[in-house]
Amino acid sequence: MIRIKLSELLGKHKMTRKKLAELIDVRPNTIGDLYNEKVKKIDIEILDKLCEVFECEVEDIIEHIK
C-alpha cells in the first residue's frame, strides 16, 4: 500500500490546501484528492513541486507500507 503524507506536511508547515494549490499552480481539487489519498497516480511534476515547496525528499511525501 502507498500512503500519501500530505496532511502531515501541511500541518507541519502550517499551510492550507488552498495555499499549497496556489504555490504549485494546480487546482485545489487536485490537492484535496492527494490529501484524502483518493488518487491512483501522481504526476512527477507535482511531486517535484511538492518537494520544492516543503524542501523535502519524495519519501517524505509518499511511503510504501507492506
Protein backbone atom coordinates (compact mmCIF):
# COMPACT_ATOMS: atom_id res chain seq x y z
CA MET A 1 0.00 0.00 0.00
CA ILE A 2 1.20 3.51 -0.79
CA ARG A 3 0.47 6.24 1.73
CA ILE A 4 0.50 9.94 0.85
CA LYS A 5 1.68 12.03 3.81
CA LEU A 6 0.42 15.40 2.55
CA SER A 7 -1.75 16.07 5.61
CA GLU A 8 1.29 15.68 7.87
CA LEU A 9 3.38 18.05 5.75
CA LEU A 10 0.64 20.67 5.61
CA GLY A 11 0.26 20.52 9.39
CA LYS A 12 3.99 20.69 9.98
CA HIS A 13 4.30 23.75 7.73
CA LYS A 14 1.02 25.28 8.94
CA MET A 15 -0.20 25.63 5.36
CA THR A 16 -3.68 25.29 3.93
CA ARG A 17 -4.55 23.12 0.96
CA LYS A 18 -5.66 26.24 -0.90
CA LYS A 19 -2.30 27.95 -0.34
CA LEU A 20 -0.43 24.85 -1.49
CA ALA A 21 -2.54 24.68 -4.65
CA GLU A 22 -1.63 28.29 -5.39
CA LEU A 23 2.07 27.71 -4.74
CA ILE A 24 2.37 24.74 -7.08
CA ASP A 25 -0.19 26.03 -9.61
CA VAL A 26 -2.70 23.18 -9.54
CA ARG A 27 -6.44 23.03 -8.92
CA PRO A 28 -7.47 22.87 -5.26
CA ASN A 29 -9.34 19.63 -6.08
CA THR A 30 -6.02 18.04 -7.06
CA ILE A 31 -4.58 18.86 -3.64
CA GLY A 32 -7.78 17.64 -1.98
CA ASP A 33 -7.52 14.30 -3.76
CA LEU A 34 -3.88 13.92 -2.71
CA TYR A 35 -4.72 15.00 0.84
CA ASN A 36 -7.52 12.42 1.08
CA GLU A 37 -5.43 9.77 -0.70
CA LYS A 38 -8.02 9.39 -3.48
CA VAL A 39 -5.53 9.30 -6.36
CA LYS A 40 -4.42 6.32 -8.40
CA LYS A 41 -1.34 8.07 -9.81
CA ILE A 42 0.73 11.17 -9.05
CA ASP A 43 2.24 13.34 -11.74
CA ILE A 44 6.04 13.56 -11.43
CA GLU A 45 5.88 17.35 -11.89
CA ILE A 46 3.51 17.65 -8.93
CA LEU A 47 5.82 15.52 -6.79
CA ASP A 48 8.74 17.71 -7.81
CA LYS A 49 6.85 20.90 -6.91
CA LEU A 50 5.78 19.45 -3.57
CA CYS A 51 9.41 18.60 -2.78
CA GLU A 52 10.43 22.16 -3.63
CA VAL A 53 7.69 23.79 -1.53
CA PHE A 54 8.28 21.58 1.50
CA GLU A 55 12.07 21.36 0.97
CA CYS A 56 11.92 17.61 1.34
CA GLU A 57 12.55 14.34 -0.46
CA VAL A 58 9.97 12.21 -2.27
CA GLU A 59 9.98 9.69 0.57
CA ASP A 60 8.79 12.47 2.90
CA ILE A 61 5.65 12.76 0.75
CA ILE A 62 4.86 9.14 -0.09
CA GLU A 63 5.72 5.89 1.62
CA HIS A 64 5.26 2.22 0.92
CA ILE A 65 3.64 0.22 3.67
CA LYS A 66 3.95 -3.56 3.45
